[in-house]
Protein backbone atom coordinates (compact mmCIF):
# COMPACT_ATOMS: atom_id res chain seq x y z
CA UNK A 1 18.73 -5.29 -2.77
CA UNK A 2 17.08 -2.37 -0.98
CA UNK A 3 13.33 -1.94 -1.06
CA UNK A 4 12.50 1.10 -3.22
CA UNK A 5 9.33 2.63 -4.62
CA UNK A 6 10.52 1.70 -8.13
CA UNK A 7 10.84 -1.98 -7.17
CA UNK A 8 7.38 -1.93 -5.57
CA UNK A 9 5.83 -0.34 -8.67
CA UNK A 10 7.58 -2.87 -10.91
CA UNK A 11 6.12 -5.71 -8.82
CA UNK A 12 2.67 -4.09 -8.97
CA UNK A 13 2.87 -4.09 -12.78
CA UNK A 14 2.26 -7.85 -12.52
CA UNK A 15 -1.04 -7.34 -10.65
CA UNK A 16 -3.93 -7.21 -13.09
CA UNK A 17 -7.35 -5.70 -12.56
CA UNK A 18 -9.56 -8.80 -13.00
CA UNK A 19 -12.26 -6.90 -14.90
CA UNK A 20 -10.15 -4.63 -17.09
CA UNK A 21 -7.28 -7.05 -17.81
CA UNK A 22 -4.56 -4.40 -17.38
CA UNK A 23 -2.08 -3.88 -14.56
CA UNK A 24 -2.79 -1.53 -11.66
CA UNK A 25 0.13 0.78 -12.44
CA UNK A 26 -0.80 1.31 -16.11
CA UNK A 27 -4.41 1.97 -15.12
CA UNK A 28 -3.30 4.69 -12.67
CA UNK A 29 -4.82 2.85 -9.72
CA UNK A 30 -1.72 3.12 -7.49
CA UNK A 31 -2.31 6.40 -5.71
CA UNK A 32 0.38 6.29 -3.05
CA UNK A 33 3.37 4.15 -2.08
CA UNK A 34 5.03 4.64 1.31
CA UNK A 35 7.95 2.59 2.57
CA UNK A 36 8.92 2.28 6.22
CA UNK A 37 11.57 -0.31 6.96
CA UNK A 38 10.14 -3.60 5.72
CA UNK A 39 6.58 -2.28 5.55
CA UNK A 40 4.79 -1.04 2.43
CA UNK A 41 1.69 1.17 2.69
CA UNK A 42 -0.35 1.45 -0.50
CA UNK A 43 -3.34 3.46 -1.60
CA UNK A 44 -5.15 1.70 -4.44
CA UNK A 45 -7.87 3.71 -6.20
CA UNK A 46 -10.55 1.34 -7.42
CA UNK A 47 -12.93 2.17 -10.24
CA UNK A 48 -15.78 1.96 -7.72
CA UNK A 49 -15.67 1.98 -3.90
CA UNK A 50 -17.90 -1.11 -3.74
CA UNK A 51 -15.65 -3.18 -6.01
CA UNK A 52 -16.53 -6.85 -5.41
CA UNK A 53 -13.01 -7.95 -6.44
CA UNK A 54 -11.23 -5.90 -3.75
CA UNK A 55 -10.20 -9.03 -1.82
CA UNK A 56 -8.72 -10.68 -4.90
CA UNK A 57 -6.78 -7.53 -5.82
CA UNK A 58 -5.37 -7.26 -2.29
CA UNK A 59 -4.30 -10.93 -2.29
CA UNK A 60 -2.62 -10.46 -5.69
CA UNK A 61 -0.78 -7.39 -4.37
CA UNK A 62 0.52 -9.34 -1.36
CA UNK A 63 1.67 -12.20 -3.62
CA UNK A 64 3.47 -9.78 -5.94
CA UNK A 65 5.31 -8.00 -3.10
CA UNK A 66 6.30 -11.13 -1.15
CA UNK A 67 9.41 -11.90 -3.28
CA UNK A 68 10.78 -8.42 -2.48
CA UNK A 69 11.16 -9.41 1.18
CA UNK A 70 8.37 -7.13 2.37
CA UNK A 71 7.52 -7.91 6.01
CA UNK A 72 4.14 -6.18 6.09
CA UNK A 73 1.75 -4.80 3.46
CA UNK A 74 -0.99 -2.34 4.31
CA UNK A 75 -3.47 -1.70 1.52
CA UNK A 76 -5.99 1.13 1.67
CA UNK A 77 -8.62 1.42 -1.03
CA UNK A 78 -9.92 4.67 -2.47
CA UNK A 79 -13.02 5.17 -4.53
CA UNK A 80 -12.02 6.47 -7.91
CA UNK A 81 -9.22 6.43 -10.43
CA UNK A 82 -7.93 9.90 -11.26
CA UNK A 83 -8.64 11.20 -14.74
CA UNK A 84 -5.64 11.49 -17.02
CA UNK A 85 -3.96 14.89 -16.82
CA UNK A 86 -3.53 15.18 -20.57
CA UNK A 87 -6.16 16.25 -23.03
CA UNK A 88 -7.77 13.25 -24.76
CA UNK A 89 -7.90 15.04 -28.14
CA UNK A 90 -4.68 16.85 -29.16
CA UNK A 91 -5.25 20.58 -29.52
CA UNK A 92 -8.73 20.48 -27.93
CA UNK A 93 -9.03 22.11 -24.51
CA UNK A 94 -12.80 22.00 -24.00
CA UNK A 95 -15.49 19.54 -25.02
CA UNK A 96 -19.14 20.55 -24.74
CA UNK A 97 -21.78 17.82 -24.53
CA UNK A 98 -25.17 18.76 -25.93
CA UNK A 99 -28.39 16.85 -25.27
CA UNK A 100 -31.94 17.61 -26.26
CA UNK A 101 -33.49 16.74 -22.92
CA UNK A 102 -36.47 15.11 -24.59
CA UNK A 103 -37.75 11.85 -23.58
């Protein structure tokens, strides 16, 4: 079976963020997937650039992609997960935070 972005994303759904307990795809951490022959280039956006679990996440990614017959995996890490594009409260476009500044 040919290597496709859909197959790569399906495999990445098995890779869990060790701290959050959810998969990388559902969390929106997979920023980019590029395929070139048997090579997969990934951009993974971590919740923080200094994530101490980066090595574990990369190893889990390699393990998940191995059964697809991937010859090489290149993982780049970015420093922040993108905010959801939808409004968190239906019908509300703007939220204003108010603080007293005392203290």
